[in-house]
Amino acid sequence: MNERDEFLEKKFDFSKAIKNPYAKALKKQITIKLDEGVIIYFKNKAEDTGIPY
């Protein structure tokens, strides 16, 4: 657990938290065509920053 999680747990009571029932409705899957160079660029950016591609 990192420091931020510890802060949140100490500061707020999440024992009665519920999932947002509308969260799934906020996302919509789409398909787009991108050049291979664009995909490689974003894969490299993800790797450089440690964000999953």
C-alpha atoms as a PDB file:
ATOM      1  CA  MET A   1       0.000   0.000   0.000  1.00  0.00           C
ATOM      2  CA  ASN A   2       1.415   3.390  -0.905  1.00  0.00           C
ATOM      3  CA  GLU A   3       1.344   6.594   1.128  1.00  0.00           C
ATOM      4  CA  ARG A   4      -1.609   8.015  -0.777  1.00  0.00           C
ATOM      5  CA  ASP A   5      -3.791   4.980   0.016  1.00  0.00           C
ATOM      6  CA  GLU A   6      -2.857   5.170   3.686  1.00  0.00           C
ATOM      7  CA  PHE A   7      -3.826   8.849   3.751  1.00  0.00           C
ATOM      8  CA  LEU A   8      -7.193   8.129   2.158  1.00  0.00           C
ATOM      9  CA  GLU A   9      -7.946   5.280   4.546  1.00  0.00           C
ATOM     10  CA  LYS A  10      -7.078   7.420   7.562  1.00  0.00           C
ATOM     11  CA  LYS A  11      -8.968  10.466   6.309  1.00  0.00           C
ATOM     12  CA  PHE A  12     -12.104   8.828   4.871  1.00  0.00           C
ATOM     13  CA  ASP A  13     -14.331   5.887   5.805  1.00  0.00           C
ATOM     14  CA  PHE A  14     -14.849   3.720   2.728  1.00  0.00           C
ATOM     15  CA  SER A  15     -16.648   0.913   4.581  1.00  0.00           C
ATOM     16  CA  LYS A  16     -20.046   1.963   3.175  1.00  0.00           C
ATOM     17  CA  ALA A  17     -18.820   2.936  -0.304  1.00  0.00           C
ATOM     18  CA  ILE A  18     -20.697   1.602  -3.321  1.00  0.00           C
ATOM     19  CA  LYS A  19     -19.649   1.325  -6.951  1.00  0.00           C
ATOM     20  CA  ASN A  20     -20.921   3.984  -9.330  1.00  0.00           C
ATOM     21  CA  PRO A  21     -23.872   2.285 -11.090  1.00  0.00           C
ATOM     22  CA  TYR A  22     -23.485   4.648 -14.056  1.00  0.00           C
ATOM     23  CA  ALA A  23     -19.750   4.112 -14.633  1.00  0.00           C
ATOM     24  CA  LYS A  24     -20.250   1.438 -17.264  1.00  0.00           C
ATOM     25  CA  ALA A  25     -22.673   3.682 -19.171  1.00  0.00           C
ATOM     26  CA  LEU A  26     -20.034   6.419 -19.389  1.00  0.00           C
ATOM     27  CA  LYS A  27     -17.804   4.348 -21.674  1.00  0.00           C
ATOM     28  CA  LYS A  28     -18.414   3.402 -25.259  1.00  0.00           C
ATOM     29  CA  GLN A  29     -16.141   1.171 -27.301  1.00  0.00           C
ATOM     30  CA  ILE A  30     -15.190   2.433 -30.746  1.00  0.00           C
ATOM     31  CA  THR A  31     -12.875   1.284 -33.516  1.00  0.00           C
ATOM     32  CA  ILE A  32     -10.481   3.586 -35.345  1.00  0.00           C
ATOM     33  CA  LYS A  33      -7.779   2.937 -37.913  1.00  0.00           C
ATOM     34  CA  LEU A  34      -4.340   4.348 -37.118  1.00  0.00           C
ATOM     35  CA  ASP A  35      -1.069   4.273 -38.998  1.00  0.00           C
ATOM     36  CA  GLU A  36       1.435   1.777 -37.635  1.00  0.00           C
ATOM     37  CA  GLY A  37       3.770   4.652 -36.740  1.00  0.00           C
ATOM     38  CA  VAL A  38       1.133   6.194 -34.487  1.00  0.00           C
ATOM     39  CA  ILE A  39       0.637   2.901 -32.663  1.00  0.00           C
ATOM     40  CA  ILE A  40       4.397   2.424 -32.213  1.00  0.00           C
ATOM     41  CA  TYR A  41       4.690   5.981 -30.884  1.00  0.00           C
ATOM     42  CA  PHE A  42       2.062   5.404 -28.195  1.00  0.00           C
ATOM     43  CA  LYS A  43       3.442   1.974 -27.288  1.00  0.00           C
ATOM     44  CA  ASN A  44       6.844   3.581 -26.747  1.00  0.00           C
ATOM     45  CA  LYS A  45       5.316   6.437 -24.720  1.00  0.00           C
ATOM     46  CA  ALA A  46       3.491   3.919 -22.541  1.00  0.00           C
ATOM     47  CA  GLU A  47       6.705   1.983 -21.962  1.00  0.00           C
ATOM     48  CA  ASP A  48       8.678   5.160 -21.163  1.00  0.00           C
ATOM     49  CA  THR A  49       6.130   6.331 -18.580  1.00  0.00           C
ATOM     50  CA  GLY A  50       5.304   2.899 -17.121  1.00  0.00           C
ATOM     51  CA  ILE A  51       1.660   3.110 -18.155  1.00  0.00           C
ATOM     52  CA  PRO A  52       0.192  -0.136 -19.536  1.00  0.00           C
ATOM     53  CA  TYR A  53      -0.503  -0.017 -23.245  1.00  0.00           C
END
